[in-house]
Amino acid sequence: MSAQNSAGIQTLLDAEREASKIVQKDRTKRVKQSRDEAKKEIEAYRAKKEEEFKKFEAEHTQGNKQAEDEANKEAEARIKEIKEAGKKNQDKVVQDLLKAVFEVHPVVPTQESA
């Protein structure tokens, strides 16, 4: 009977080891599945946040674009004013330059004692 008990115990131990292996494989499989699911959730969250950021960026860049366009229009208007003022006074400036070049008024330097 002792041999029969010993064989029964050995069979139980073998069955326990086999069950332990099956449980370990199942745990490993579940861990991998959980990891894969977590990666998918993270990617979905990342994609959602990226989309929100792009939307936010597009909305706020629009305002900057409008401000930039207004500044460019204002700069163009100022440049036009300056060019018109230059054309308006161009003849007088040229005449004043020619007058300064051709009408020389020499001045004799005076010696000052130190």
N, C-alpha and C. Protein backbone atom coordinates (compact mmCIF):
# COMPACT_ATOMS: atom_id res chain seq x y z
N MET A 1 0.80 -1.17 0.00
CA MET A 1 0.00 0.00 0.00
C MET A 1 0.86 1.25 0.00
N SER A 2 1.95 1.18 0.63
CA SER A 2 2.87 2.29 0.68
C SER A 2 3.36 2.66 -0.72
N ALA A 3 3.62 1.66 -1.54
CA ALA A 3 4.05 1.93 -2.91
C ALA A 3 2.92 2.57 -3.69
N GLN A 4 1.71 2.13 -3.40
CA GLN A 4 0.56 2.69 -4.10
C GLN A 4 0.37 4.14 -3.68
N ASN A 5 0.53 4.45 -2.42
CA ASN A 5 0.42 5.82 -1.92
C ASN A 5 1.53 6.68 -2.52
N SER A 6 2.71 6.12 -2.58
CA SER A 6 3.84 6.84 -3.13
C SER A 6 3.61 7.15 -4.61
N ALA A 7 3.07 6.20 -5.35
CA ALA A 7 2.77 6.42 -6.77
C ALA A 7 1.66 7.45 -6.91
N GLY A 8 0.68 7.42 -6.02
CA GLY A 8 -0.42 8.40 -6.04
C GLY A 8 0.08 9.81 -5.75
N ILE A 9 0.97 9.89 -4.77
CA ILE A 9 1.55 11.19 -4.41
C ILE A 9 2.38 11.72 -5.56
N GLN A 10 3.16 10.84 -6.18
CA GLN A 10 3.99 11.25 -7.32
C GLN A 10 3.10 11.76 -8.45
N THR A 11 2.00 11.08 -8.70
CA THR A 11 1.07 11.50 -9.76
C THR A 11 0.48 12.86 -9.43
N LEU A 12 0.14 13.07 -8.17
CA LEU A 12 -0.39 14.38 -7.74
C LEU A 12 0.66 15.48 -7.90
N LEU A 13 1.89 15.17 -7.53
CA LEU A 13 2.98 16.16 -7.68
C LEU A 13 3.20 16.50 -9.16
N ASP A 14 3.17 15.47 -10.00
CA ASP A 14 3.32 15.71 -11.44
C ASP A 14 2.17 16.57 -11.96
N ALA A 15 0.98 16.27 -11.53
CA ALA A 15 -0.20 17.04 -11.96
C ALA A 15 -0.10 18.48 -11.47
N GLU A 16 0.40 18.65 -10.24
CA GLU A 16 0.56 20.00 -9.69
C GLU A 16 1.59 20.80 -10.49
N ARG A 17 2.71 20.16 -10.85
CA ARG A 17 3.72 20.83 -11.66
C ARG A 17 3.15 21.22 -13.01
N GLU A 18 2.40 20.31 -13.62
CA GLU A 18 1.79 20.58 -14.93
C GLU A 18 0.80 21.73 -14.82
N ALA A 19 0.01 21.73 -13.76
CA ALA A 19 -0.96 22.82 -13.54
C ALA A 19 -0.23 24.14 -13.33
N SER A 20 0.88 24.08 -12.60
CA SER A 20 1.67 25.28 -12.34
C SER A 20 2.22 25.86 -13.66
N LYS A 21 2.68 24.97 -14.55
CA LYS A 21 3.17 25.42 -15.86
C LYS A 21 2.06 26.07 -16.65
N ILE A 22 0.87 25.44 -16.64
CA ILE A 22 -0.27 25.99 -17.38
C ILE A 22 -0.66 27.36 -16.83
N VAL A 23 -0.69 27.48 -15.50
CA VAL A 23 -1.03 28.76 -14.87
C VAL A 23 0.01 29.81 -15.23
N GLN A 24 1.28 29.46 -15.21
CA GLN A 24 2.35 30.41 -15.54
C GLN A 24 2.23 30.88 -16.99
N LYS A 25 1.95 29.93 -17.92
CA LYS A 25 1.77 30.30 -19.33
C LYS A 25 0.60 31.26 -19.48
N ASP A 26 -0.49 30.95 -18.76
CA ASP A 26 -1.68 31.79 -18.84
C ASP A 26 -1.39 33.19 -18.29
N ARG A 27 -0.65 33.26 -17.19
CA ARG A 27 -0.29 34.57 -16.62
C ARG A 27 0.56 35.36 -17.60
N THR A 28 1.54 34.68 -18.18
CA THR A 28 2.40 35.34 -19.16
C THR A 28 1.58 35.85 -20.33
N LYS A 29 0.64 35.03 -20.78
CA LYS A 29 -0.21 35.42 -21.90
C LYS A 29 -1.06 36.63 -21.52
N ARG A 30 -1.63 36.62 -20.32
CA ARG A 30 -2.46 37.74 -19.87
C ARG A 30 -1.63 39.01 -19.71
N VAL A 31 -0.42 38.88 -19.21
CA VAL A 31 0.45 40.06 -19.05
C VAL A 31 0.74 40.67 -20.42
N LYS A 32 1.05 39.81 -21.40
CA LYS A 32 1.32 40.31 -22.75
C LYS A 32 0.08 40.99 -23.33
N GLN A 33 -1.10 40.37 -23.13
CA GLN A 33 -2.33 40.96 -23.64
C GLN A 33 -2.59 42.31 -22.97
N SER A 34 -2.38 42.37 -21.67
CA SER A 34 -2.58 43.62 -20.93
C SER A 34 -1.62 44.70 -21.43
N ARG A 35 -0.38 44.30 -21.66
CA ARG A 35 0.62 45.25 -22.16
C ARG A 35 0.21 45.77 -23.54
N ASP A 36 -0.23 44.87 -24.41
CA ASP A 36 -0.67 45.27 -25.75
C ASP A 36 -1.88 46.20 -25.68
N GLU A 37 -2.83 45.87 -24.81
CA GLU A 37 -4.01 46.73 -24.65
C GLU A 37 -3.60 48.11 -24.12
N ALA A 38 -2.68 48.14 -23.17
CA ALA A 38 -2.21 49.41 -22.62
C ALA A 38 -1.52 50.23 -23.70
N LYS A 39 -0.71 49.58 -24.55
CA LYS A 39 -0.06 50.31 -25.65
C LYS A 39 -1.08 50.91 -26.59
N LYS A 40 -2.14 50.12 -26.91
CA LYS A 40 -3.19 50.63 -27.79
C LYS A 40 -3.89 51.83 -27.17
N GLU A 41 -4.20 51.73 -25.87
CA GLU A 41 -4.85 52.84 -25.18
C GLU A 41 -3.96 54.08 -25.17
N ILE A 42 -2.67 53.88 -24.93
CA ILE A 42 -1.73 55.00 -24.92
C ILE A 42 -1.66 55.64 -26.30
N GLU A 43 -1.60 54.84 -27.34
CA GLU A 43 -1.55 55.38 -28.70
C GLU A 43 -2.82 56.14 -29.04
N ALA A 44 -3.97 55.60 -28.63
CA ALA A 44 -5.24 56.29 -28.88
C ALA A 44 -5.27 57.62 -28.14
N TYR A 45 -4.81 57.62 -26.89
CA TYR A 45 -4.77 58.85 -26.10
C TYR A 45 -3.82 59.86 -26.72
N ARG A 46 -2.65 59.38 -27.15
CA ARG A 46 -1.66 60.25 -27.78
C ARG A 46 -2.23 60.88 -29.07
N ALA A 47 -2.89 60.05 -29.87
CA ALA A 47 -3.48 60.54 -31.12
C ALA A 47 -4.56 61.58 -30.83
N LYS A 48 -5.37 61.33 -29.81
CA LYS A 48 -6.43 62.28 -29.43
C LYS A 48 -5.81 63.62 -29.01
N LYS A 49 -4.80 63.56 -28.15
CA LYS A 49 -4.16 64.79 -27.67
C LYS A 49 -3.43 65.52 -28.80
N GLU A 50 -2.84 64.77 -29.72
CA GLU A 50 -2.17 65.38 -30.87
C GLU A 50 -3.19 66.13 -31.74
N GLU A 51 -4.34 65.52 -31.93
CA GLU A 51 -5.41 66.15 -32.71
C GLU A 51 -5.90 67.42 -32.02
N GLU A 52 -6.08 67.34 -30.70
CA GLU A 52 -6.49 68.52 -29.94
C GLU A 52 -5.45 69.63 -30.06
N PHE A 53 -4.18 69.27 -29.99
CA PHE A 53 -3.11 70.27 -30.11
C PHE A 53 -3.12 70.92 -31.48
N LYS A 54 -3.29 70.10 -32.53
CA LYS A 54 -3.32 70.65 -33.89
C LYS A 54 -4.49 71.60 -34.06
N LYS A 55 -5.63 71.24 -33.51
CA LYS A 55 -6.81 72.10 -33.59
C LYS A 55 -6.54 73.41 -32.86
N PHE A 56 -5.98 73.32 -31.65
CA PHE A 56 -5.65 74.50 -30.85
C PHE A 56 -4.66 75.40 -31.59
N GLU A 57 -3.64 74.76 -32.16
CA GLU A 57 -2.60 75.49 -32.88
C GLU A 57 -3.19 76.21 -34.10
N ALA A 58 -4.07 75.50 -34.82
CA ALA A 58 -4.69 76.10 -36.01
C ALA A 58 -5.54 77.31 -35.63
N GLU A 59 -6.29 77.20 -34.54
CA GLU A 59 -7.13 78.31 -34.10
C GLU A 59 -6.30 79.51 -33.70
N HIS A 60 -5.22 79.28 -33.00
CA HIS A 60 -4.42 80.40 -32.50
C HIS A 60 -3.44 80.93 -33.53
N THR A 61 -3.05 80.11 -34.47
CA THR A 61 -2.17 80.59 -35.54
C THR A 61 -2.96 81.50 -36.46
N GLN A 62 -4.25 81.24 -36.61
CA GLN A 62 -5.11 82.07 -37.45
C GLN A 62 -5.06 83.52 -36.98
N GLY A 63 -5.14 83.74 -35.67
CA GLY A 63 -5.08 85.10 -35.13
C GLY A 63 -3.74 85.75 -35.41
N ASN A 64 -2.66 84.99 -35.29
CA ASN A 64 -1.33 85.53 -35.57
C ASN A 64 -1.20 85.89 -37.04
N LYS A 65 -1.78 85.07 -37.90
CA LYS A 65 -1.72 85.33 -39.34
C LYS A 65 -2.45 86.63 -39.66
N GLN A 66 -3.60 86.84 -39.04
CA GLN A 66 -4.36 88.07 -39.28
C GLN A 66 -3.57 89.28 -38.80
N ALA A 67 -2.96 89.18 -37.62
CA ALA A 67 -2.17 90.29 -37.09
C ALA A 67 -0.97 90.57 -38.00
N GLU A 68 -0.35 89.52 -38.52
CA GLU A 68 0.79 89.68 -39.43
C GLU A 68 0.34 90.36 -40.72
N ASP A 69 -0.81 89.96 -41.26
CA ASP A 69 -1.33 90.59 -42.48
C ASP A 69 -1.62 92.07 -42.27
N GLU A 70 -2.22 92.38 -41.11
CA GLU A 70 -2.52 93.79 -40.80
C GLU A 70 -1.23 94.60 -40.67
N ALA A 71 -0.23 94.03 -40.02
CA ALA A 71 1.06 94.73 -39.87
C ALA A 71 1.72 94.95 -41.23
N ASN A 72 1.63 93.95 -42.12
CA ASN A 72 2.20 94.11 -43.45
C ASN A 72 1.49 95.20 -44.24
N LYS A 73 0.15 95.26 -44.13
CA LYS A 73 -0.61 96.31 -44.82
C LYS A 73 -0.21 97.69 -44.30
N GLU A 74 -0.07 97.79 -42.99
CA GLU A 74 0.30 99.06 -42.39
C GLU A 74 1.71 99.47 -42.83
N ALA A 75 2.62 98.52 -42.88
CA ALA A 75 3.99 98.81 -43.32
C ALA A 75 4.01 99.24 -44.78
N GLU A 76 3.22 98.58 -45.62
CA GLU A 76 3.15 98.96 -47.03
C GLU A 76 2.61 100.38 -47.18
N ALA A 77 1.61 100.74 -46.38
CA ALA A 77 1.04 102.09 -46.44
C ALA A 77 2.09 103.13 -46.03
N ARG A 78 2.86 102.83 -44.97
CA ARG A 78 3.91 103.77 -44.52
C ARG A 78 5.00 103.92 -45.58
N ILE A 79 5.39 102.81 -46.21
CA ILE A 79 6.41 102.85 -47.26
C ILE A 79 5.91 103.70 -48.43
N LYS A 80 4.65 103.54 -48.77
CA LYS A 80 4.07 104.32 -49.86
C LYS A 80 4.09 105.81 -49.53
N GLU A 81 3.74 106.15 -48.27
CA GLU A 81 3.77 107.56 -47.84
C GLU A 81 5.18 108.13 -47.94
N ILE A 82 6.15 107.34 -47.50
CA ILE A 82 7.54 107.82 -47.52
C ILE A 82 8.01 108.03 -48.96
N LYS A 83 7.67 107.10 -49.84
CA LYS A 83 8.06 107.25 -51.25
C LYS A 83 7.41 108.47 -51.88
N GLU A 84 6.13 108.70 -51.57
CA GLU A 84 5.44 109.87 -52.11
C GLU A 84 6.06 111.15 -51.59
N ALA A 85 6.41 111.18 -50.31
CA ALA A 85 7.06 112.37 -49.74
C ALA A 85 8.42 112.59 -50.41
N GLY A 86 9.14 111.50 -50.67
CA GLY A 86 10.44 111.61 -51.35
C GLY A 86 10.28 112.15 -52.76
N LYS A 87 9.31 111.67 -53.49
CA LYS A 87 9.08 112.16 -54.86
C LYS A 87 8.64 113.62 -54.84
N LYS A 88 7.82 113.97 -53.86
CA LYS A 88 7.30 115.34 -53.76
C LYS A 88 8.43 116.35 -53.53
N ASN A 89 9.41 116.00 -52.70
CA ASN A 89 10.50 116.92 -52.35
C ASN A 89 11.80 116.61 -53.09
N GLN A 90 11.76 115.69 -54.03
CA GLN A 90 12.97 115.26 -54.72
C GLN A 90 13.64 116.41 -55.47
N ASP A 91 12.88 117.21 -56.22
CA ASP A 91 13.48 118.31 -56.98
C ASP A 91 14.14 119.33 -56.06
N LYS A 92 13.49 119.68 -54.96
CA LYS A 92 14.07 120.67 -54.04
C LYS A 92 15.36 120.14 -53.43
N VAL A 93 15.37 118.87 -53.05
CA VAL A 93 16.58 118.28 -52.45
C VAL A 93 17.73 118.29 -53.45
N VAL A 94 17.46 117.93 -54.69
CA VAL A 94 18.50 117.94 -55.72
C VAL A 94 19.01 119.36 -55.94
N GLN A 95 18.11 120.33 -56.01
CA GLN A 95 18.53 121.73 -56.19
C GLN A 95 19.39 122.22 -55.03
N ASP A 96 18.98 121.85 -53.80
CA ASP A 96 19.76 122.26 -52.63
C ASP A 96 21.15 121.62 -52.64
N LEU A 97 21.26 120.37 -53.07
CA LEU A 97 22.56 119.71 -53.16
C LEU A 97 23.45 120.37 -54.22
N LEU A 98 22.86 120.63 -55.38
CA LEU A 98 23.64 121.28 -56.45
C LEU A 98 24.09 122.67 -56.02
N LYS A 99 23.20 123.40 -55.35
CA LYS A 99 23.54 124.74 -54.88
C LYS A 99 24.70 124.67 -53.88
N ALA A 100 24.65 123.69 -52.97
CA ALA A 100 25.70 123.56 -51.96
C ALA A 100 27.03 123.20 -52.61
N VAL A 101 26.99 122.45 -53.72
CA VAL A 101 28.22 122.03 -54.38
C VAL A 101 28.81 123.16 -55.22
N PHE A 102 27.95 123.86 -55.96
CA PHE A 102 28.46 124.86 -56.90
C PHE A 102 28.67 126.23 -56.28
N GLU A 103 27.96 126.58 -55.25
CA GLU A 103 28.15 127.88 -54.62
C GLU A 103 29.06 127.71 -53.40
N VAL A 104 30.30 127.92 -53.64
CA VAL A 104 31.29 127.71 -52.59
C VAL A 104 31.53 129.04 -51.87
N HIS A 105 31.50 129.02 -50.57
CA HIS A 105 31.77 130.21 -49.75
C HIS A 105 32.97 129.89 -48.88
N PRO A 106 34.14 130.18 -49.38
CA PRO A 106 35.34 129.86 -48.61
C PRO A 106 35.43 130.71 -47.33
N VAL A 107 35.92 130.11 -46.29
CA VAL A 107 36.09 130.83 -45.02
C VAL A 107 37.54 130.64 -44.61
N VAL A 108 38.17 131.77 -44.30
CA VAL A 108 39.56 131.75 -43.89
C VAL A 108 39.61 131.34 -42.42
N PRO A 109 40.42 130.32 -42.15
CA PRO A 109 40.49 129.91 -40.74
C PRO A 109 41.26 130.95 -39.91
N THR A 110 40.87 131.10 -38.72
CA THR A 110 41.55 132.03 -37.81
C THR A 110 42.41 131.22 -36.87
N GLN A 111 43.56 131.86 -36.52
CA GLN A 111 44.47 131.15 -35.61
C GLN A 111 44.18 131.63 -34.20
N GLU A 112 44.01 130.68 -33.39
CA GLU A 112 43.77 131.03 -31.98
C GLU A 112 45.00 130.64 -31.20
N SER A 113 45.40 131.46 -30.28
CA SER A 113 46.58 131.16 -29.48
C SER A 113 46.18 130.30 -28.29
N ALA A 114 47.07 129.44 -27.99
CA ALA A 114 46.75 128.50 -26.91
C ALA A 114 47.19 128.98 -25.60
